[in-house]
Every structure is written in C-alpha cells, then in structure tokens.
Amino acid sequence: MKHIGIIGSGSWGTALGVLLAGNAARVTLWGREEAAIETINRHHQNPSYLPGITLPPNVGATTALEDLAGSDAVFVVVPSRAVRAVAARLATVPLAPGVPVVSCMKGIENGTGLRMSELLLDAMPGRPVAVLSGPNHAEEIARGQPAAAVIGCADPALGRRLQELVTLPWFRAYTSGDLIGIEWGAAVKNVFAIASGLAGGLGLGDNARAALVTRGLAEMVRLGTAMGGRPETFQGLSGVGDLVVTCYSEHSRNNRVGQALGRGESLDSVLAGMTMVAEGVPNTESIYHAARRAGVRTPIIDTVYAVLYRNLDPREGLRALFARDPRPEAE
C-alpha cells in the first residue's frame, strides 16, 4: 500500500494523513474547499482545522475525486450525514479490484439505522470494506502523541495489512472481526458525551458524571448486542476506550455541546458557533429511533434526545434520570 487516498480534509482526515504518511509513500487528501486544498499543497498546513501542525512532505491534497483512482486503499472521513452521497460519488471512481475502503466515521444513518460501513457497501457491492475506530482525537494524533485504535475487518488477512499500514512506534493498532460492535460503540458514545457535558455544565460534580458514563456503558452494551455486536467489543478501544476519552476530554465537541446546553445556551446558538460537526447531535436522533425499533431500554439516550429535540430542560432531565425507580445494577 504505497498510495493512500483520504476522502475528507477536516481535522480527523488531516490527522489521519499525518499518521498514514509514516508508512505510505504518498497520501492524497480530497476535499471540497479549494482554498484549504491550496494551502495544504503550498504550505503543508491546514490551519482551519489543525492550526500549528506542519504536514509531512508526502501529504498532498486535491478537489478532484478522480485523483484517488490509483490508491491502494481509501479512507473515508466525512460527516455521517454526508456518507451516502460521498459513497455514491466514490463508486464512480475506477479503483482497482480489491482496493479496500476504510470507514473512519462514527454514526448511524437516521431512518435506515444503517452503519457507515453498510452505506459504503450499499454503494460499492463487492468492495472490501473495513472500519477504523478508537479513542483518537485528531489534535493529539497530528502531534504524534501515543494512541491506539482497532481495525474491524471481516477478512483477517486484509485486517492485518491495514494494521501494518497504520502501526507506528507511537500508534498501536489491534484487529477485530466485529464491525457491528465497533461501529455501534463508536456512534453511541457520542450521545453519552453530551450527557456528561450536561452534568458538567450544570455543575453536578464528578460523581454524577462518573455515574452517567458508567450507566452509559451499560446502555451501549444492551443496544449494541441487540444490534448484533459482541459484548467483549464494548469493553475495548471502540467501546469503553472511546467512551472515556469523549466524555472527559477538552477536545470532545460533543462534550462541549453538552456543557454549553447545561449552562443554558440554546442548541442553535451552540451549533452556530462550531466550525466542525458534533456527531452526537444528529446521531442522538438516529440512535434513539433505532433503540425504539429494537425495543431496548435506553434512559440516558432518551433523556439526551428529549433535551436536544423536545426542549426538555437539562436540569429537569437529569433530575428525572437520577430519580428513576431503583433496580439491580446488572440489568
């Protein structure tokens, strides 16, 4: 794998370019913003999304999706709401047979309940598809700070090849065949990050946030296993690992959304002030409805959904959540 294509030139796509440049001869980022693409090519920087980071010389950028046709692997890093449209465009690019497409998104499509890898497969039947997930904030990856991730792939041999591609002295990759568990854990944790932020914004303290995160993990396991994921996957990097970092990190956009809502700001004003997508906001809606269809009990998800989409006062929502009838912890 000498030439790697990345669809998406935001913070995570750019940081992934830095990572992949360690083992690939050439990395090409695709994006729509011509000014940003020109800045990457001329100055090896992407100041709108990763200020202060100098990109390796073997990282370039393009606005022409066709330039990725010679890639040995393509990583897709776009907002979850854009995946269906982007996948349809990628399907028109003449990639060589067997070239894998790797989903690096964390979301569930609203209405269909499809995972991101399923959307890619729908657009490109027969194309090898894998997923990359874990507690990986772009700001730290771009600076080469130690991190780990999991690669989900149904083909063990391809999983090992991708593992070798992303493994560096400071970045450790593991493999798994459980794409369902990886993708559901990665998507659901963003909802709990908003809940953790709500508690922080309301000044409820560390104990309340720890309770929400822990019971959030219980909901993640209930819902994820109902969707077909393996229980042990949610104890791994794409489950509890990503849950912890997203619920507590200063880099977490979803946590910041919750903090702002807890302080009394409106959702519209919070989102208007953000340059990047907080995936937990649209995915709360899709995950809430998926849980209802599956008949899974998800009180924290339900509360966050009501705060975001039914104008529930955050303080009242968390008060009602903690006042629910007692039950055994194992349930």
Protein backbone atom coordinates (compact mmCIF):
# COMPACT_ATOMS: atom_id res chain seq x y z
CA MET A 1 0.00 0.00 0.00
CA LYS A 2 2.08 2.88 -1.33
CA HIS A 3 -0.56 5.45 -2.30
CA ILE A 4 -3.31 6.12 0.22
CA GLY A 5 -6.38 8.24 -0.52
CA ILE A 6 -8.34 10.03 2.19
CA ILE A 7 -11.80 11.42 1.49
CA GLY A 8 -12.25 14.34 3.86
CA SER A 9 -9.80 17.12 4.70
CA GLY A 10 -11.16 18.18 8.09
CA SER A 11 -9.35 17.71 11.37
CA TRP A 12 -9.57 13.90 11.56
CA GLY A 13 -8.92 13.39 7.85
CA THR A 14 -5.85 15.63 8.03
CA ALA A 15 -4.57 13.96 11.20
CA LEU A 16 -5.07 10.57 9.58
CA GLY A 17 -2.97 11.83 6.68
CA VAL A 18 -0.15 12.58 9.13
CA LEU A 19 -0.46 9.09 10.57
CA LEU A 20 -0.59 7.23 7.25
CA ALA A 21 2.32 9.25 5.84
CA GLY A 22 4.54 7.34 8.24
CA ASN A 23 4.24 4.14 6.20
CA ALA A 24 2.87 5.17 2.79
CA ALA A 25 4.94 6.74 0.03
CA ARG A 26 2.14 9.18 -0.84
CA VAL A 27 -1.06 10.32 0.84
CA THR A 28 -3.70 12.33 -1.03
CA LEU A 29 -6.43 14.19 0.83
CA TRP A 30 -9.64 15.02 -1.01
CA GLY A 31 -11.76 18.00 -0.01
CA ARG A 32 -14.25 20.49 -1.43
CA GLU A 33 -12.74 23.76 -0.15
CA GLU A 34 -10.34 24.94 -2.84
CA ALA A 35 -8.60 27.47 -0.57
CA ALA A 36 -7.91 24.84 2.07
CA ILE A 37 -6.62 22.37 -0.53
CA GLU A 38 -4.31 25.03 -1.98
CA THR A 39 -2.97 25.85 1.50
CA ILE A 40 -2.22 22.18 2.14
CA ASN A 41 -0.33 21.86 -1.15
CA ARG A 42 1.57 25.14 -0.87
CA HIS A 43 2.29 25.37 2.84
CA HIS A 44 1.69 21.85 4.15
CA GLN A 45 -0.73 23.16 6.73
CA ASN A 46 -4.49 23.06 7.34
CA PRO A 47 -4.93 25.99 9.75
CA SER A 48 -8.74 25.96 9.67
CA TYR A 49 -8.87 22.51 11.23
CA LEU A 50 -5.43 21.73 12.69
CA PRO A 51 -3.65 25.01 13.45
CA GLY A 52 0.04 24.79 14.23
CA ILE A 53 0.55 21.41 12.53
CA THR A 54 3.00 21.01 9.65
CA LEU A 55 2.05 18.12 7.40
CA PRO A 56 4.69 15.67 6.11
CA PRO A 57 6.01 16.41 2.59
CA ASN A 58 4.42 13.25 1.16
CA VAL A 59 0.90 14.51 2.03
CA GLY A 60 -0.91 16.36 -0.75
CA ALA A 61 -4.48 17.38 -1.47
CA THR A 62 -6.95 17.61 -4.34
CA THR A 63 -10.51 18.67 -5.13
CA ALA A 64 -10.79 16.03 -7.88
CA LEU A 65 -12.04 12.72 -6.53
CA GLU A 66 -10.69 11.01 -9.65
CA ASP A 67 -7.15 11.67 -8.38
CA LEU A 68 -7.70 8.87 -5.87
CA ALA A 69 -8.17 6.28 -8.62
CA GLY A 70 -4.64 4.91 -8.21
CA SER A 71 -4.92 4.48 -4.44
CA ASP A 72 -4.05 1.19 -2.78
CA ALA A 73 -6.55 1.95 -0.01
CA VAL A 74 -9.11 4.71 0.55
CA PHE A 75 -10.03 6.02 3.99
CA VAL A 76 -13.37 7.85 4.24
CA VAL A 77 -13.55 10.61 6.86
CA VAL A 78 -16.63 12.78 6.31
CA PRO A 79 -19.61 13.75 8.49
CA SER A 80 -22.00 10.82 8.90
CA ARG A 81 -24.83 12.71 7.18
CA ALA A 82 -22.70 13.02 4.03
CA VAL A 83 -21.63 9.39 3.76
CA ARG A 84 -24.40 8.17 1.45
CA ALA A 85 -23.74 10.93 -1.09
CA VAL A 86 -19.96 10.60 -0.87
CA ALA A 87 -20.14 6.82 -1.23
CA ALA A 88 -22.18 7.22 -4.40
CA ARG A 89 -19.51 9.51 -5.83
CA LEU A 90 -16.69 7.20 -4.76
CA ALA A 91 -18.42 4.32 -6.54
CA THR A 92 -17.78 6.14 -9.85
CA VAL A 93 -14.00 6.30 -9.24
CA PRO A 94 -12.21 3.45 -11.08
CA LEU A 95 -10.43 1.91 -8.10
CA ALA A 96 -8.59 -1.31 -8.83
CA PRO A 97 -10.36 -4.54 -7.82
CA GLY A 98 -9.62 -5.47 -4.22
CA VAL A 99 -8.68 -1.95 -3.10
CA PRO A 100 -10.22 -1.61 0.38
CA VAL A 101 -12.34 1.29 1.58
CA VAL A 102 -11.95 2.06 5.29
CA SER A 103 -14.71 3.83 7.20
CA CYS A 104 -13.39 6.25 9.82
CA MET A 105 -16.80 7.76 10.65
CA LYS A 106 -18.79 7.33 13.83
CA GLY A 107 -22.50 7.36 13.21
CA ILE A 108 -25.77 5.62 12.38
CA GLU A 109 -27.90 6.82 9.46
CA ASN A 110 -31.20 8.29 10.55
CA GLY A 111 -34.25 6.49 9.23
CA THR A 112 -32.49 3.36 7.98
CA GLY A 113 -30.41 2.60 11.08
CA LEU A 114 -27.53 1.61 8.79
CA ARG A 115 -23.92 1.75 9.96
CA MET A 116 -21.35 3.71 7.97
CA SER A 117 -19.69 0.59 6.55
CA GLU A 118 -23.09 -0.64 5.38
CA LEU A 119 -23.64 2.59 3.46
CA LEU A 120 -20.28 2.11 1.75
CA LEU A 121 -21.12 -1.49 0.87
CA ASP A 122 -24.50 -0.47 -0.50
CA ALA A 123 -22.80 1.92 -2.91
CA MET A 124 -19.92 -0.42 -3.78
CA PRO A 125 -21.11 -4.06 -3.63
CA GLY A 126 -18.22 -6.48 -3.50
CA ARG A 127 -15.67 -3.84 -2.48
CA PRO A 128 -13.66 -4.83 0.65
CA VAL A 129 -14.77 -2.53 3.48
CA ALA A 130 -13.16 -2.13 6.91
CA VAL A 131 -13.52 0.28 9.81
CA LEU A 132 -11.01 2.19 11.95
CA SER A 133 -12.11 3.39 15.37
CA GLY A 134 -10.90 4.16 18.87
CA PRO A 135 -10.05 6.97 21.30
CA ASN A 136 -8.28 9.09 18.68
CA HIS A 137 -8.62 12.85 18.97
CA ALA A 138 -7.24 14.46 15.83
CA GLU A 139 -5.34 17.14 17.76
CA GLU A 140 -3.22 14.51 19.52
CA ILE A 141 -2.78 12.17 16.55
CA ALA A 142 -1.49 15.04 14.42
CA ARG A 143 1.18 15.74 17.05
CA GLY A 144 2.30 12.13 17.23
CA GLN A 145 1.09 11.60 20.78
CA PRO A 146 0.68 7.93 21.76
CA ALA A 147 -2.66 6.34 20.89
CA ALA A 148 -4.29 3.05 19.93
CA ALA A 149 -7.16 2.01 17.68
CA VAL A 150 -8.98 -1.06 16.43
CA ILE A 151 -9.42 -2.11 12.81
CA GLY A 152 -12.60 -4.02 12.08
CA CYS A 153 -12.49 -6.26 9.03
CA ALA A 154 -14.29 -9.45 8.02
CA ASP A 155 -11.18 -10.61 6.14
CA PRO A 156 -8.40 -11.36 8.67
CA ALA A 157 -5.64 -11.08 6.05
CA LEU A 158 -6.82 -7.64 4.94
CA GLY A 159 -7.20 -6.62 8.57
CA ARG A 160 -3.54 -7.46 9.18
CA ARG A 161 -2.44 -5.49 6.10
CA LEU A 162 -4.32 -2.43 7.30
CA GLN A 163 -2.94 -2.98 10.79
CA GLU A 164 0.59 -2.85 9.40
CA LEU A 165 -0.26 0.29 7.43
CA VAL A 166 -1.36 2.31 10.46
CA THR A 167 1.06 0.93 13.05
CA LEU A 168 3.87 3.27 14.10
CA PRO A 169 6.10 3.43 17.21
CA TRP A 170 3.56 5.80 18.78
CA PHE A 171 0.36 4.34 17.33
CA ARG A 172 -0.76 0.81 18.15
CA ALA A 173 -3.49 -0.93 16.16
CA TYR A 174 -5.48 -4.03 17.03
CA THR A 175 -7.75 -6.11 14.78
CA SER A 176 -11.29 -7.44 15.21
CA GLY A 177 -13.90 -9.13 13.07
CA ASP A 178 -16.79 -7.45 14.90
CA LEU A 179 -17.66 -4.49 12.67
CA ILE A 180 -21.14 -4.24 14.19
CA GLY A 181 -19.88 -3.85 17.75
CA ILE A 182 -17.12 -1.44 16.76
CA GLU A 183 -19.44 0.85 14.81
CA TRP A 184 -22.27 0.86 17.34
CA GLY A 185 -19.90 1.60 20.21
CA ALA A 186 -18.26 4.39 18.24
CA ALA A 187 -21.60 6.02 17.44
CA VAL A 188 -23.38 5.63 20.77
CA LYS A 189 -20.55 7.00 22.91
CA ASN A 190 -21.15 10.47 21.42
CA VAL A 191 -24.61 10.57 22.99
CA PHE A 192 -23.15 9.87 26.41
CA ALA A 193 -20.51 12.55 25.85
CA ILE A 194 -23.34 15.06 25.54
CA ALA A 195 -24.87 13.67 28.77
CA SER A 196 -21.52 14.00 30.54
CA GLY A 197 -21.22 17.55 29.28
CA LEU A 198 -24.74 18.38 30.51
CA ALA A 199 -23.78 17.26 34.01
CA GLY A 200 -20.60 19.31 33.84
CA GLY A 201 -22.39 22.41 32.59
CA LEU A 202 -24.93 22.09 35.38
CA GLY A 203 -22.14 21.82 37.96
CA LEU A 204 -23.29 18.41 39.20
CA GLY A 205 -19.79 17.18 40.01
CA ASP A 206 -17.52 14.27 39.16
CA ASN A 207 -19.66 11.66 40.88
CA ALA A 208 -22.66 12.42 38.69
CA ARG A 209 -20.57 12.35 35.52
CA ALA A 210 -18.97 9.04 36.52
CA ALA A 211 -22.42 7.57 37.12
CA LEU A 212 -23.66 8.74 33.73
CA VAL A 213 -20.60 7.38 31.92
CA THR A 214 -20.80 4.01 33.69
CA ARG A 215 -24.52 3.58 33.10
CA GLY A 216 -23.96 4.83 29.57
CA LEU A 217 -21.66 1.87 29.04
CA ALA A 218 -24.45 -0.43 30.23
CA GLU A 219 -26.80 1.10 27.65
CA MET A 220 -24.13 0.79 24.97
CA VAL A 221 -23.76 -2.92 25.66
CA ARG A 222 -27.54 -3.51 25.75
CA LEU A 223 -28.17 -1.70 22.49
CA GLY A 224 -25.01 -2.84 20.72
CA THR A 225 -25.55 -6.52 21.46
CA ALA A 226 -29.20 -6.22 20.41
CA MET A 227 -27.88 -4.99 17.06
CA GLY A 228 -25.56 -8.00 16.75
CA GLY A 229 -22.32 -6.77 18.32
CA ARG A 230 -20.23 -8.92 20.64
CA PRO A 231 -20.27 -7.96 24.35
CA GLU A 232 -16.48 -8.02 24.63
CA THR A 233 -16.11 -5.45 21.84
CA PHE A 234 -17.72 -2.78 24.01
CA GLN A 235 -15.05 -3.35 26.66
CA GLY A 236 -12.40 -2.47 24.09
CA LEU A 237 -11.00 0.61 22.39
CA SER A 238 -14.06 1.42 20.28
CA GLY A 239 -16.32 0.99 23.32
CA VAL A 240 -15.20 1.95 26.80
CA GLY A 241 -11.93 3.44 25.48
CA ASP A 242 -13.65 5.91 23.16
CA LEU A 243 -16.42 6.47 25.72
CA VAL A 244 -13.99 7.63 28.41
CA VAL A 245 -11.98 9.98 26.22
CA THR A 246 -15.06 11.51 24.61
CA CYS A 247 -16.88 12.07 27.89
CA TYR A 248 -13.97 13.82 29.62
CA SER A 249 -11.62 15.32 27.02
CA GLU A 250 -11.32 19.03 26.30
CA HIS A 251 -11.10 18.08 22.61
CA SER A 252 -14.56 16.46 22.58
CA ARG A 253 -17.02 18.53 20.56
CA ASN A 254 -19.95 16.51 21.90
CA ASN A 255 -18.86 17.13 25.47
CA ARG A 256 -18.62 20.86 24.73
CA VAL A 257 -22.15 20.84 23.29
CA GLY A 258 -23.46 19.29 26.50
CA GLN A 259 -21.50 21.74 28.65
CA ALA A 260 -22.97 24.70 26.79
CA LEU A 261 -26.53 23.35 26.97
CA GLY A 262 -26.09 22.73 30.69
CA ARG A 263 -25.06 26.36 31.13
CA GLY A 264 -28.31 27.46 29.49
CA GLU A 265 -27.28 28.13 25.89
CA SER A 266 -29.62 27.10 23.09
CA LEU A 267 -28.74 24.27 20.75
CA ASP A 268 -28.99 26.53 17.71
CA SER A 269 -26.52 29.03 19.14
CA VAL A 270 -24.12 26.29 20.21
CA LEU A 271 -24.07 24.67 16.77
CA ALA A 272 -23.81 28.04 15.01
CA GLY A 273 -20.59 28.72 16.89
CA MET A 274 -18.92 25.46 15.83
CA THR A 275 -16.82 25.04 12.70
CA MET A 276 -16.82 21.22 12.93
CA VAL A 277 -19.63 18.71 13.31
CA ALA A 278 -20.58 17.37 16.74
CA GLU A 279 -21.73 13.94 15.55
CA GLY A 280 -23.60 13.24 18.77
CA VAL A 281 -26.31 15.76 17.86
CA PRO A 282 -27.64 14.12 14.65
CA ASN A 283 -26.78 10.65 15.89
CA THR A 284 -28.78 11.03 19.09
CA GLU A 285 -31.86 11.18 16.87
CA SER A 286 -30.92 8.17 14.74
CA ILE A 287 -29.81 6.09 17.75
CA TYR A 288 -32.91 6.98 19.77
CA HIS A 289 -35.19 5.75 16.99
CA ALA A 290 -33.07 2.65 16.41
CA ALA A 291 -33.37 1.78 20.09
CA ARG A 292 -37.14 2.22 19.95
CA ARG A 293 -37.39 -0.09 16.94
CA ALA A 294 -35.26 -2.67 18.74
CA GLY A 295 -37.22 -2.36 21.99
CA VAL A 296 -34.08 -1.67 24.05
CA ARG A 297 -34.27 0.31 27.32
CA THR A 298 -32.02 3.40 27.00
CA PRO A 299 -32.92 6.04 29.62
CA ILE A 300 -29.81 8.19 29.15
CA ILE A 301 -30.17 8.22 25.37
CA ASP A 302 -33.85 9.06 25.80
CA THR A 303 -33.01 11.99 28.09
CA VAL A 304 -30.40 13.45 25.75
CA TYR A 305 -32.83 13.09 22.85
CA ALA A 306 -35.51 14.96 24.80
CA VAL A 307 -33.06 17.77 25.65
CA LEU A 308 -31.94 18.14 22.03
CA TYR A 309 -35.21 17.60 20.18
CA ARG A 310 -38.07 18.17 22.63
CA ASN A 311 -36.80 21.22 24.51
CA LEU A 312 -36.52 19.38 27.82
CA ASP A 313 -34.74 21.47 30.42
CA PRO A 314 -31.37 19.76 31.08
CA ARG A 315 -31.66 20.11 34.85
CA GLU A 316 -35.12 18.56 34.85
CA GLY A 317 -33.96 15.81 32.54
CA LEU A 318 -31.03 14.74 34.70
CA ARG A 319 -33.10 15.09 37.89
CA ALA A 320 -35.70 12.72 36.46
CA LEU A 321 -32.98 10.35 35.26
CA PHE A 322 -31.45 10.03 38.73
CA ALA A 323 -34.91 9.74 40.35
CA ARG A 324 -35.91 6.65 38.38
CA ASP A 325 -37.02 3.54 40.29
CA PRO A 326 -34.10 1.54 41.77
CA ARG A 327 -33.08 -1.66 40.00
CA PRO A 328 -30.25 -4.26 40.11
CA GLU A 329 -27.03 -2.97 38.55
CA ALA A 330 -26.74 -5.95 36.25
CA GLU A 331 -30.00 -5.10 34.45
